[in-house]
Amino acid sequence: MKVKYFSDTDTAHVEFTARGVHETKEISENIYIDIDEKGNIVSMTIEHAKANAGLWEFSYQEMSRQTA
C-alpha cells in the first residue's frame, strides 16, 4: 500500500494494489475509488483531505488476530 499526499491541492491518494484501473466511482463529492475489472478496489482519492479526512497525521498499525 502506498499513501501519497499532495499539499498543493490538499489531496490524498491511497494505492492498495498496482492492478490496472477499469473504472473510477464517485463515492461522495470529494472521495473517489478506482476499481479493477473484477470490481476490486485499486485506489482511493480524497480531495480536501485535511478537512474531509482529518489528514493532519498519518499512522499505520497492523492488528494481530484476536483469539477467544
Protein backbone atom coordinates (compact mmCIF):
# COMPACT_ATOMS: atom_id res chain seq x y z
CA MET A 1 0.00 0.00 0.00
CA LYS A 2 1.21 3.48 -0.85
CA VAL A 3 -0.14 6.74 0.56
CA LYS A 4 0.71 9.97 -1.22
CA TYR A 5 -0.27 13.45 -0.03
CA PHE A 6 -0.20 16.43 -2.39
CA SER A 7 -0.04 19.56 -0.22
CA ASP A 8 -0.58 21.96 -3.14
CA THR A 9 -4.08 20.52 -3.73
CA ASP A 10 -4.72 19.01 -0.26
CA THR A 11 -5.32 15.66 -1.93
CA ALA A 12 -4.52 12.19 -0.58
CA HIS A 13 -4.13 9.17 -2.81
CA VAL A 14 -4.12 5.69 -1.27
CA GLU A 15 -2.96 2.93 -3.61
CA PHE A 16 -3.92 -0.52 -2.34
CA THR A 17 -2.61 -2.52 -5.29
CA ALA A 18 -0.84 -1.92 -8.60
CA ARG A 19 -3.58 -3.56 -10.69
CA GLY A 20 -4.94 -1.62 -13.65
CA VAL A 21 -7.87 0.73 -13.15
CA HIS A 22 -11.01 -0.18 -15.04
CA GLU A 23 -13.38 2.44 -13.63
CA THR A 24 -13.45 5.37 -11.20
CA LYS A 25 -16.51 5.78 -9.00
CA GLU A 26 -17.51 8.90 -7.11
CA ILE A 27 -18.38 7.92 -3.55
CA SER A 28 -19.11 11.47 -2.43
CA GLU A 29 -18.27 14.98 -3.60
CA ASN A 30 -14.62 14.61 -2.53
CA ILE A 31 -13.99 10.86 -2.43
CA TYR A 32 -13.32 8.64 -5.44
CA ILE A 33 -12.37 4.98 -5.72
CA ASP A 34 -10.71 3.21 -8.60
CA ILE A 35 -11.70 -0.38 -9.25
CA ASP A 36 -10.30 -3.13 -11.45
CA GLU A 37 -12.21 -5.22 -14.00
CA LYS A 38 -13.44 -7.57 -11.24
CA GLY A 39 -14.77 -4.74 -9.07
CA ASN A 40 -11.94 -4.86 -6.52
CA ILE A 41 -10.65 -1.59 -5.10
CA VAL A 42 -7.33 -0.44 -6.54
CA SER A 43 -7.00 3.03 -5.04
CA MET A 44 -8.86 5.88 -3.36
CA THR A 45 -8.54 9.64 -3.79
CA ILE A 46 -9.62 12.09 -1.10
CA GLU A 47 -9.85 15.75 -2.08
CA HIS A 48 -9.58 18.41 0.66
CA ALA A 49 -8.01 15.64 2.74
CA LYS A 50 -7.17 17.66 5.85
CA ALA A 51 -10.73 18.95 6.21
CA ASN A 52 -12.62 15.85 5.00
CA ALA A 53 -10.49 13.04 6.38
CA GLY A 54 -8.66 14.69 9.26
CA LEU A 55 -5.38 14.04 7.47
CA TRP A 56 -3.22 16.04 9.84
CA GLU A 57 -1.40 12.95 10.98
CA PHE A 58 -0.98 9.52 9.45
CA SER A 59 -0.12 6.33 11.26
CA TYR A 60 -0.21 2.65 10.38
CA GLN A 61 -0.88 -0.11 12.85
CA GLU A 62 -1.20 -3.77 11.96
CA MET A 63 -3.53 -5.52 14.34
CA SER A 64 -2.92 -9.14 15.26
CA ARG A 65 -5.74 -11.62 15.11
CA GLN A 66 -7.63 -11.86 18.38
CA THR A 67 -8.36 -15.35 19.67
CA ALA A 68 -11.01 -16.21 22.24
